[in-house]
């Protein structure tokens, strides 16, 4: 990272930044060009590991690509505001980027847990535990690796 003064290494702060994000962007390998898809997500801290969960249909382009190569890249960010100082425009932001491998969850109880984490993060209440609904939903899990977190938000940097 070029701007070491903006790097965030504290796990608690990284989790707080992830908790504020509304969308995870999932980058998947697609031959010549990467394929990036924005997704709703849930997350949890498992020991020192950050786990991201997402859901979607069981069929589709995203799933085809993940089956071919489960290595992905994720990006989450929070826009704070634009600022203009000394005629130099800047954006106050927080961002987290990481690599990982997608694992499709097949176990019913684990899918229920992951979907509830997603609903909790999106403030959408309790999961409809209909077996038909759960079985019709694809749920992915990504353990984040090689995490980088960066901000120029002075409220975070002073901690």
N, C-alpha and C. Protein backbone atom coordinates (compact mmCIF):
# COMPACT_ATOMS: atom_id res chain seq x y z
N UNK A 1 0.85 -1.17 0.00
CA UNK A 1 0.00 0.00 0.00
C UNK A 1 0.90 1.24 0.00
N UNK A 2 0.64 2.09 -0.95
CA UNK A 2 1.47 3.29 -1.11
C UNK A 2 1.29 4.27 0.04
N UNK A 3 0.07 4.53 0.44
CA UNK A 3 -0.21 5.53 1.49
C UNK A 3 -0.35 4.82 2.84
N UNK A 4 0.77 4.48 3.44
CA UNK A 4 0.78 3.77 4.73
C UNK A 4 0.07 4.56 5.82
N UNK A 5 0.04 5.88 5.69
CA UNK A 5 -0.63 6.71 6.71
C UNK A 5 -2.15 6.55 6.67
N UNK A 6 -2.67 5.89 5.65
CA UNK A 6 -4.11 5.65 5.54
C UNK A 6 -4.49 4.20 5.81
N UNK A 7 -3.50 3.38 6.05
CA UNK A 7 -3.75 1.95 6.26
C UNK A 7 -4.38 1.70 7.64
N UNK A 8 -5.36 0.79 7.67
CA UNK A 8 -6.00 0.37 8.91
C UNK A 8 -5.67 -1.11 9.10
N UNK A 9 -5.08 -1.45 10.25
CA UNK A 9 -4.71 -2.83 10.53
C UNK A 9 -5.50 -3.43 11.69
N UNK A 10 -6.12 -2.59 12.49
CA UNK A 10 -6.86 -3.05 13.66
C UNK A 10 -8.10 -3.84 13.24
N UNK A 11 -8.19 -5.10 13.65
CA UNK A 11 -9.28 -5.98 13.24
C UNK A 11 -10.64 -5.43 13.65
N UNK A 12 -10.74 -4.88 14.85
CA UNK A 12 -12.01 -4.33 15.31
C UNK A 12 -12.47 -3.19 14.39
N UNK A 13 -11.55 -2.34 14.00
CA UNK A 13 -11.89 -1.22 13.11
C UNK A 13 -12.28 -1.72 11.73
N UNK A 14 -11.58 -2.72 11.23
CA UNK A 14 -11.93 -3.30 9.93
C UNK A 14 -13.35 -3.86 9.97
N UNK A 15 -13.69 -4.56 11.04
CA UNK A 15 -15.05 -5.11 11.20
C UNK A 15 -16.08 -3.98 11.24
N UNK A 16 -15.77 -2.88 11.93
CA UNK A 16 -16.69 -1.74 11.98
C UNK A 16 -16.90 -1.15 10.58
N UNK A 17 -15.86 -1.07 9.80
CA UNK A 17 -15.98 -0.54 8.44
C UNK A 17 -16.83 -1.48 7.58
N UNK A 18 -16.60 -2.79 7.70
CA UNK A 18 -17.42 -3.77 6.97
C UNK A 18 -18.88 -3.64 7.41
N UNK A 19 -19.10 -3.45 8.70
CA UNK A 19 -20.46 -3.33 9.22
C UNK A 19 -21.21 -2.13 8.68
N UNK A 20 -20.50 -1.08 8.30
CA UNK A 20 -21.14 0.12 7.73
C UNK A 20 -21.42 -0.03 6.23
N UNK A 21 -20.72 -0.93 5.57
CA UNK A 21 -20.89 -1.10 4.12
C UNK A 21 -22.25 -1.71 3.80
N UNK A 22 -22.82 -1.28 2.70
CA UNK A 22 -24.13 -1.82 2.29
C UNK A 22 -24.01 -2.83 1.16
N UNK A 23 -22.88 -2.84 0.49
CA UNK A 23 -22.70 -3.70 -0.68
C UNK A 23 -21.29 -4.27 -0.69
N UNK A 24 -21.18 -5.53 -1.06
CA UNK A 24 -19.88 -6.12 -1.34
C UNK A 24 -19.81 -6.31 -2.85
N UNK A 25 -18.69 -5.93 -3.43
CA UNK A 25 -18.48 -6.16 -4.86
C UNK A 25 -17.60 -7.38 -5.00
N UNK A 26 -18.12 -8.36 -5.72
CA UNK A 26 -17.45 -9.64 -5.90
C UNK A 26 -16.83 -9.68 -7.29
N UNK A 27 -15.52 -9.79 -7.33
CA UNK A 27 -14.79 -9.90 -8.60
C UNK A 27 -14.46 -11.36 -8.87
N UNK A 28 -14.88 -11.82 -10.05
CA UNK A 28 -14.70 -13.22 -10.43
C UNK A 28 -13.94 -13.27 -11.75
N UNK A 29 -13.08 -14.26 -11.90
CA UNK A 29 -12.32 -14.42 -13.15
C UNK A 29 -13.25 -14.81 -14.29
N UNK A 30 -13.11 -14.11 -15.42
CA UNK A 30 -13.92 -14.40 -16.60
C UNK A 30 -13.06 -14.21 -17.85
N UNK A 31 -12.17 -15.16 -18.08
CA UNK A 31 -11.30 -15.15 -19.25
C UNK A 31 -10.55 -13.82 -19.38
N UNK A 32 -10.85 -13.04 -20.40
CA UNK A 32 -10.07 -11.84 -20.68
C UNK A 32 -10.33 -10.69 -19.70
N UNK A 33 -11.59 -10.53 -19.25
CA UNK A 33 -11.95 -9.42 -18.37
C UNK A 33 -12.56 -9.96 -17.07
N UNK A 34 -12.31 -9.27 -15.95
CA UNK A 34 -12.97 -9.70 -14.71
C UNK A 34 -14.46 -9.40 -14.78
N UNK A 35 -15.22 -10.17 -14.03
CA UNK A 35 -16.67 -9.97 -13.90
C UNK A 35 -16.90 -9.51 -12.47
N UNK A 36 -17.55 -8.36 -12.30
CA UNK A 36 -17.78 -7.81 -10.97
C UNK A 36 -19.29 -7.67 -10.75
N UNK A 37 -19.74 -8.17 -9.61
CA UNK A 37 -21.16 -8.10 -9.31
C UNK A 37 -21.34 -7.54 -7.89
N UNK A 38 -22.24 -6.55 -7.74
CA UNK A 38 -22.53 -6.01 -6.40
C UNK A 38 -23.55 -6.91 -5.71
N UNK A 39 -23.34 -7.17 -4.41
CA UNK A 39 -24.21 -8.08 -3.68
C UNK A 39 -24.53 -7.56 -2.29
N UNK A 40 -25.72 -7.90 -1.81
CA UNK A 40 -26.01 -7.76 -0.39
C UNK A 40 -25.22 -8.84 0.32
N UNK A 41 -24.92 -8.62 1.61
CA UNK A 41 -24.09 -9.60 2.29
C UNK A 41 -24.35 -9.59 3.79
N UNK A 42 -23.90 -10.65 4.41
CA UNK A 42 -23.81 -10.75 5.86
C UNK A 42 -22.38 -11.11 6.19
N UNK A 43 -22.03 -11.02 7.44
CA UNK A 43 -20.64 -11.31 7.80
C UNK A 43 -20.57 -11.75 9.26
N UNK A 44 -19.45 -12.37 9.59
CA UNK A 44 -19.18 -12.71 10.98
C UNK A 44 -17.68 -12.80 11.19
N UNK A 45 -17.29 -12.69 12.42
CA UNK A 45 -15.90 -12.87 12.82
C UNK A 45 -15.82 -14.25 13.46
N UNK A 46 -14.99 -15.12 12.90
CA UNK A 46 -14.80 -16.48 13.42
C UNK A 46 -13.36 -16.56 13.91
N UNK A 47 -13.17 -16.29 15.20
CA UNK A 47 -11.81 -16.16 15.72
C UNK A 47 -11.20 -14.90 15.16
N UNK A 48 -10.14 -15.05 14.37
CA UNK A 48 -9.50 -13.91 13.70
C UNK A 48 -9.91 -13.83 12.22
N UNK A 49 -10.77 -14.75 11.78
CA UNK A 49 -11.17 -14.81 10.37
C UNK A 49 -12.46 -14.03 10.14
N UNK A 50 -12.47 -13.21 9.08
CA UNK A 50 -13.68 -12.51 8.66
C UNK A 50 -14.32 -13.34 7.56
N UNK A 51 -15.59 -13.67 7.76
CA UNK A 51 -16.35 -14.48 6.80
C UNK A 51 -17.46 -13.61 6.22
N UNK A 52 -17.55 -13.60 4.90
CA UNK A 52 -18.62 -12.89 4.18
C UNK A 52 -19.56 -13.94 3.60
N UNK A 53 -20.87 -13.70 3.73
CA UNK A 53 -21.89 -14.57 3.14
C UNK A 53 -22.71 -13.76 2.14
N UNK A 54 -23.11 -14.40 1.06
CA UNK A 54 -23.99 -13.77 0.08
C UNK A 54 -24.95 -14.82 -0.44
N UNK A 55 -26.00 -14.37 -1.11
CA UNK A 55 -26.99 -15.31 -1.63
C UNK A 55 -27.36 -14.95 -3.06
N UNK A 56 -28.05 -15.86 -3.70
CA UNK A 56 -28.52 -15.62 -5.06
C UNK A 56 -29.22 -16.85 -5.60
N UNK A 57 -29.53 -16.79 -6.87
CA UNK A 57 -30.18 -17.92 -7.53
C UNK A 57 -29.18 -19.07 -7.69
N UNK A 58 -29.71 -20.26 -7.88
CA UNK A 58 -28.85 -21.43 -8.03
C UNK A 58 -28.23 -21.51 -9.42
N UNK A 59 -28.82 -20.81 -10.39
CA UNK A 59 -28.29 -20.83 -11.75
C UNK A 59 -27.98 -19.41 -12.18
N UNK A 60 -27.01 -19.28 -13.10
CA UNK A 60 -26.68 -17.98 -13.63
C UNK A 60 -25.20 -17.85 -13.91
N UNK A 61 -24.86 -16.76 -14.54
CA UNK A 61 -23.50 -16.52 -14.98
C UNK A 61 -22.50 -16.50 -13.83
N UNK A 62 -22.87 -15.80 -12.74
CA UNK A 62 -22.01 -15.72 -11.56
C UNK A 62 -21.67 -17.13 -11.05
N UNK A 63 -22.68 -17.97 -10.96
CA UNK A 63 -22.47 -19.34 -10.48
C UNK A 63 -21.61 -20.16 -11.44
N UNK A 64 -21.83 -19.98 -12.72
CA UNK A 64 -21.01 -20.69 -13.71
C UNK A 64 -19.53 -20.32 -13.54
N UNK A 65 -19.27 -19.02 -13.38
CA UNK A 65 -17.89 -18.57 -13.22
C UNK A 65 -17.27 -19.09 -11.93
N UNK A 66 -18.03 -19.06 -10.83
CA UNK A 66 -17.49 -19.52 -9.54
C UNK A 66 -17.21 -21.01 -9.56
N UNK A 67 -18.00 -21.78 -10.31
CA UNK A 67 -17.74 -23.22 -10.43
C UNK A 67 -16.44 -23.49 -11.19
N UNK A 68 -16.16 -22.64 -12.19
CA UNK A 68 -14.93 -22.80 -12.97
C UNK A 68 -13.70 -22.41 -12.15
N UNK A 69 -13.83 -21.34 -11.35
CA UNK A 69 -12.71 -20.85 -10.55
C UNK A 69 -13.26 -20.16 -9.32
N UNK A 70 -13.05 -20.76 -8.16
CA UNK A 70 -13.64 -20.22 -6.93
C UNK A 70 -12.80 -19.11 -6.29
N UNK A 71 -11.68 -18.75 -6.90
CA UNK A 71 -10.85 -17.66 -6.38
C UNK A 71 -11.47 -16.33 -6.77
N UNK A 72 -11.75 -15.49 -5.75
CA UNK A 72 -12.45 -14.23 -5.99
C UNK A 72 -11.73 -13.09 -5.27
N UNK A 73 -12.17 -11.89 -5.59
CA UNK A 73 -11.68 -10.69 -4.93
C UNK A 73 -12.92 -9.92 -4.47
N UNK A 74 -12.89 -9.37 -3.26
CA UNK A 74 -14.03 -8.60 -2.76
C UNK A 74 -13.59 -7.19 -2.42
N UNK A 75 -14.53 -6.27 -2.55
CA UNK A 75 -14.30 -4.87 -2.21
C UNK A 75 -15.56 -4.34 -1.54
N UNK A 76 -15.36 -3.64 -0.41
CA UNK A 76 -16.44 -2.98 0.30
C UNK A 76 -15.98 -1.55 0.56
N UNK A 77 -16.88 -0.58 0.47
CA UNK A 77 -16.45 0.78 0.76
C UNK A 77 -17.58 1.60 1.35
N UNK A 78 -17.19 2.67 1.98
CA UNK A 78 -18.14 3.62 2.56
C UNK A 78 -17.73 5.02 2.14
N UNK A 79 -18.60 5.66 1.40
CA UNK A 79 -18.41 7.06 1.03
C UNK A 79 -18.83 7.90 2.22
N UNK A 80 -17.98 8.84 2.62
CA UNK A 80 -18.32 9.73 3.72
C UNK A 80 -18.76 11.09 3.16
N UNK A 81 -17.86 11.74 2.43
CA UNK A 81 -18.21 13.03 1.82
C UNK A 81 -17.12 13.47 0.85
N UNK A 82 -17.48 14.41 0.00
CA UNK A 82 -16.50 15.10 -0.84
C UNK A 82 -16.03 16.32 -0.08
N UNK A 83 -14.76 16.66 -0.26
CA UNK A 83 -14.22 17.87 0.35
C UNK A 83 -13.35 18.59 -0.66
N UNK A 84 -13.31 19.91 -0.52
CA UNK A 84 -12.45 20.73 -1.36
C UNK A 84 -11.60 21.58 -0.43
N UNK A 85 -10.30 21.33 -0.46
CA UNK A 85 -9.38 22.11 0.37
C UNK A 85 -8.21 22.55 -0.48
N UNK A 86 -7.87 23.81 -0.43
CA UNK A 86 -6.78 24.34 -1.25
C UNK A 86 -6.97 24.01 -2.73
N UNK A 87 -8.21 24.07 -3.20
CA UNK A 87 -8.56 23.74 -4.59
C UNK A 87 -8.15 22.32 -4.97
N UNK A 88 -8.04 21.45 -3.98
CA UNK A 88 -7.67 20.06 -4.21
C UNK A 88 -8.84 19.17 -3.77
N UNK A 89 -9.65 18.70 -4.70
CA UNK A 89 -10.80 17.89 -4.30
C UNK A 89 -10.36 16.51 -3.80
N UNK A 90 -11.08 16.01 -2.82
CA UNK A 90 -10.81 14.67 -2.31
C UNK A 90 -12.12 14.05 -1.84
N UNK A 91 -12.09 12.77 -1.66
CA UNK A 91 -13.24 12.03 -1.14
C UNK A 91 -12.83 11.41 0.20
N UNK A 92 -13.62 11.64 1.22
CA UNK A 92 -13.40 10.97 2.50
C UNK A 92 -14.10 9.61 2.39
N UNK A 93 -13.37 8.55 2.67
CA UNK A 93 -13.85 7.20 2.40
C UNK A 93 -13.26 6.21 3.39
N UNK A 94 -13.80 4.99 3.35
CA UNK A 94 -13.26 3.82 4.04
C UNK A 94 -13.39 2.67 3.06
N UNK A 95 -12.38 1.83 2.94
CA UNK A 95 -12.50 0.70 2.02
C UNK A 95 -11.77 -0.53 2.56
N UNK A 96 -12.31 -1.67 2.21
CA UNK A 96 -11.71 -2.96 2.55
C UNK A 96 -11.66 -3.78 1.27
N UNK A 97 -10.50 -4.37 1.03
CA UNK A 97 -10.34 -5.26 -0.13
C UNK A 97 -9.69 -6.54 0.36
N UNK A 98 -10.04 -7.67 -0.28
CA UNK A 98 -9.47 -8.94 0.14
C UNK A 98 -9.66 -9.99 -0.95
N UNK A 99 -8.87 -11.02 -0.84
CA UNK A 99 -9.01 -12.20 -1.69
C UNK A 99 -9.73 -13.28 -0.89
N UNK A 100 -10.18 -14.28 -1.58
CA UNK A 100 -10.80 -15.42 -0.90
C UNK A 100 -11.23 -16.47 -1.90
N UNK A 101 -11.74 -17.56 -1.37
CA UNK A 101 -12.27 -18.65 -2.19
C UNK A 101 -13.72 -18.86 -1.80
N UNK A 102 -14.59 -18.88 -2.80
CA UNK A 102 -16.02 -19.09 -2.55
C UNK A 102 -16.26 -20.56 -2.26
N UNK A 103 -17.03 -20.77 -1.22
CA UNK A 103 -17.52 -22.11 -0.89
C UNK A 103 -19.04 -22.02 -0.92
N UNK A 104 -19.69 -22.86 -1.70
CA UNK A 104 -21.15 -22.89 -1.73
C UNK A 104 -21.61 -23.77 -0.57
N UNK A 105 -22.47 -23.21 0.26
CA UNK A 105 -22.95 -23.91 1.46
C UNK A 105 -24.11 -24.82 1.07
N UNK A 106 -23.98 -26.07 1.43
CA UNK A 106 -25.04 -27.06 1.15
C UNK A 106 -25.82 -27.42 2.40
N UNK A 107 -25.19 -27.40 3.57
CA UNK A 107 -25.83 -27.79 4.82
C UNK A 107 -26.97 -26.83 5.16
N UNK A 108 -28.15 -27.37 5.40
CA UNK A 108 -29.35 -26.58 5.63
C UNK A 108 -29.19 -25.62 6.80
N UNK A 109 -28.74 -26.11 7.95
CA UNK A 109 -28.62 -25.27 9.15
C UNK A 109 -27.59 -24.15 8.96
N UNK A 110 -26.51 -24.46 8.25
CA UNK A 110 -25.49 -23.45 7.99
C UNK A 110 -26.03 -22.39 7.04
N UNK A 111 -26.84 -22.80 6.06
CA UNK A 111 -27.47 -21.83 5.16
C UNK A 111 -28.40 -20.90 5.93
N UNK A 112 -29.18 -21.48 6.85
CA UNK A 112 -30.10 -20.68 7.66
C UNK A 112 -29.31 -19.65 8.45
N UNK A 113 -28.22 -20.08 9.09
CA UNK A 113 -27.38 -19.16 9.87
C UNK A 113 -26.83 -18.04 8.97
N UNK A 114 -26.30 -18.40 7.81
CA UNK A 114 -25.72 -17.42 6.89
C UNK A 114 -26.77 -16.43 6.39
N UNK A 115 -27.94 -16.92 6.02
CA UNK A 115 -29.00 -16.04 5.54
C UNK A 115 -29.49 -15.11 6.65
N UNK A 116 -29.54 -15.61 7.88
CA UNK A 116 -29.95 -14.74 8.99
C UNK A 116 -28.91 -13.64 9.23
N UNK A 117 -27.62 -13.98 9.09
CA UNK A 117 -26.57 -12.95 9.21
C UNK A 117 -26.74 -11.89 8.12
N UNK A 118 -27.10 -12.31 6.92
CA UNK A 118 -27.34 -11.36 5.83
C UNK A 118 -28.53 -10.46 6.17
N UNK A 119 -29.62 -11.05 6.63
CA UNK A 119 -30.80 -10.25 6.98
C UNK A 119 -30.50 -9.31 8.15
N UNK A 120 -29.72 -9.78 9.12
CA UNK A 120 -29.34 -8.92 10.25
C UNK A 120 -28.56 -7.71 9.76
N UNK A 121 -27.60 -7.94 8.87
CA UNK A 121 -26.79 -6.83 8.36
C UNK A 121 -27.64 -5.83 7.57
N UNK A 122 -28.64 -6.34 6.88
CA UNK A 122 -29.52 -5.49 6.06
C UNK A 122 -30.72 -4.96 6.84
N UNK A 123 -30.78 -5.24 8.14
CA UNK A 123 -31.89 -4.81 9.01
C UNK A 123 -33.24 -5.26 8.47
N UNK A 124 -33.34 -6.54 8.10
CA UNK A 124 -34.57 -7.05 7.50
C UNK A 124 -35.31 -8.06 8.37
N UNK A 125 -34.97 -8.17 9.63
CA UNK A 125 -35.74 -9.02 10.54
C UNK A 125 -35.38 -10.49 10.47
N UNK A 126 -36.36 -11.32 10.80
CA UNK A 126 -36.15 -12.76 10.92
C UNK A 126 -36.36 -13.47 9.59
N UNK A 127 -35.61 -14.54 9.40
CA UNK A 127 -35.65 -15.33 8.19
C UNK A 127 -36.89 -16.21 8.15
N UNK A 128 -37.53 -16.28 6.98
CA UNK A 128 -38.59 -17.25 6.74
C UNK A 128 -37.89 -18.59 6.54
N UNK A 129 -38.03 -19.48 7.49
CA UNK A 129 -37.26 -20.73 7.45
C UNK A 129 -37.94 -21.81 6.62
N UNK A 130 -38.74 -21.43 5.64
CA UNK A 130 -39.37 -22.39 4.75
C UNK A 130 -38.30 -23.23 4.07
N UNK A 131 -38.40 -24.52 4.20
CA UNK A 131 -37.41 -25.42 3.61
C UNK A 131 -37.33 -25.22 2.09
N UNK A 132 -38.45 -24.98 1.47
CA UNK A 132 -38.48 -24.75 0.01
C UNK A 132 -37.66 -23.51 -0.35
N UNK A 133 -37.84 -22.43 0.42
CA UNK A 133 -37.10 -21.19 0.18
C UNK A 133 -35.60 -21.41 0.38
N UNK A 134 -35.24 -22.03 1.48
CA UNK A 134 -33.82 -22.24 1.81
C UNK A 134 -33.17 -23.11 0.73
N UNK A 135 -33.84 -24.17 0.34
CA UNK A 135 -33.26 -25.08 -0.66
C UNK A 135 -33.18 -24.45 -2.05
N UNK A 136 -34.01 -23.46 -2.33
CA UNK A 136 -34.00 -22.80 -3.65
C UNK A 136 -32.95 -21.68 -3.72
N UNK A 137 -32.29 -21.41 -2.60
CA UNK A 137 -31.35 -20.29 -2.52
C UNK A 137 -29.92 -20.79 -2.49
N UNK A 138 -29.09 -20.19 -3.30
CA UNK A 138 -27.65 -20.48 -3.29
C UNK A 138 -27.01 -19.54 -2.27
N UNK A 139 -26.20 -20.08 -1.37
CA UNK A 139 -25.53 -19.27 -0.36
C UNK A 139 -24.04 -19.51 -0.47
N UNK A 140 -23.30 -18.42 -0.64
CA UNK A 140 -21.85 -18.50 -0.74
C UNK A 140 -21.17 -17.99 0.51
N UNK A 141 -20.01 -18.55 0.78
CA UNK A 141 -19.20 -18.19 1.94
C UNK A 141 -17.79 -17.88 1.45
N UNK A 142 -17.23 -16.77 1.93
CA UNK A 142 -15.86 -16.40 1.57
C UNK A 142 -15.10 -16.05 2.85
N UNK A 143 -14.06 -16.79 3.14
CA UNK A 143 -13.15 -16.43 4.24
C UNK A 143 -12.15 -15.44 3.64
N UNK A 144 -12.13 -14.23 4.17
CA UNK A 144 -11.27 -13.19 3.60
C UNK A 144 -9.81 -13.44 3.92
N UNK A 145 -8.98 -13.27 2.90
CA UNK A 145 -7.53 -13.45 3.02
C UNK A 145 -6.84 -12.22 2.44
N UNK A 146 -5.62 -11.97 2.87
CA UNK A 146 -4.84 -10.84 2.34
C UNK A 146 -5.65 -9.55 2.35
N UNK A 147 -6.21 -9.25 3.50
CA UNK A 147 -7.09 -8.09 3.67
C UNK A 147 -6.26 -6.80 3.70
N UNK A 148 -6.73 -5.81 2.95
CA UNK A 148 -6.19 -4.46 3.09
C UNK A 148 -7.36 -3.54 3.38
N UNK A 149 -7.10 -2.58 4.25
CA UNK A 149 -8.12 -1.62 4.64
C UNK A 149 -7.47 -0.25 4.62
N UNK A 150 -8.20 0.71 4.07
CA UNK A 150 -7.63 2.04 3.88
C UNK A 150 -8.72 3.09 4.13
N UNK A 151 -8.32 4.20 4.69
CA UNK A 151 -9.25 5.32 4.89
C UNK A 151 -8.48 6.62 4.99
N UNK A 152 -9.15 7.69 4.70
CA UNK A 152 -8.62 9.01 5.04
C UNK A 152 -9.61 9.72 5.96
N UNK A 153 -10.47 8.94 6.61
CA UNK A 153 -11.43 9.43 7.58
C UNK A 153 -10.69 9.70 8.90
N UNK A 154 -10.52 10.96 9.25
CA UNK A 154 -9.76 11.34 10.44
C UNK A 154 -10.35 10.76 11.73
N UNK A 155 -11.67 10.51 11.73
CA UNK A 155 -12.30 9.91 12.91
C UNK A 155 -11.79 8.48 13.16
N UNK A 156 -11.44 7.79 12.10
CA UNK A 156 -10.89 6.42 12.25
C UNK A 156 -9.40 6.48 12.48
N UNK A 157 -8.71 7.34 11.78
CA UNK A 157 -7.24 7.39 11.85
C UNK A 157 -6.74 7.85 13.23
N UNK A 158 -7.54 8.63 13.95
CA UNK A 158 -7.07 9.11 15.26
C UNK A 158 -7.14 8.03 16.32
N UNK A 159 -7.82 6.93 16.05
CA UNK A 159 -7.93 5.82 17.03
C UNK A 159 -6.70 4.94 17.01
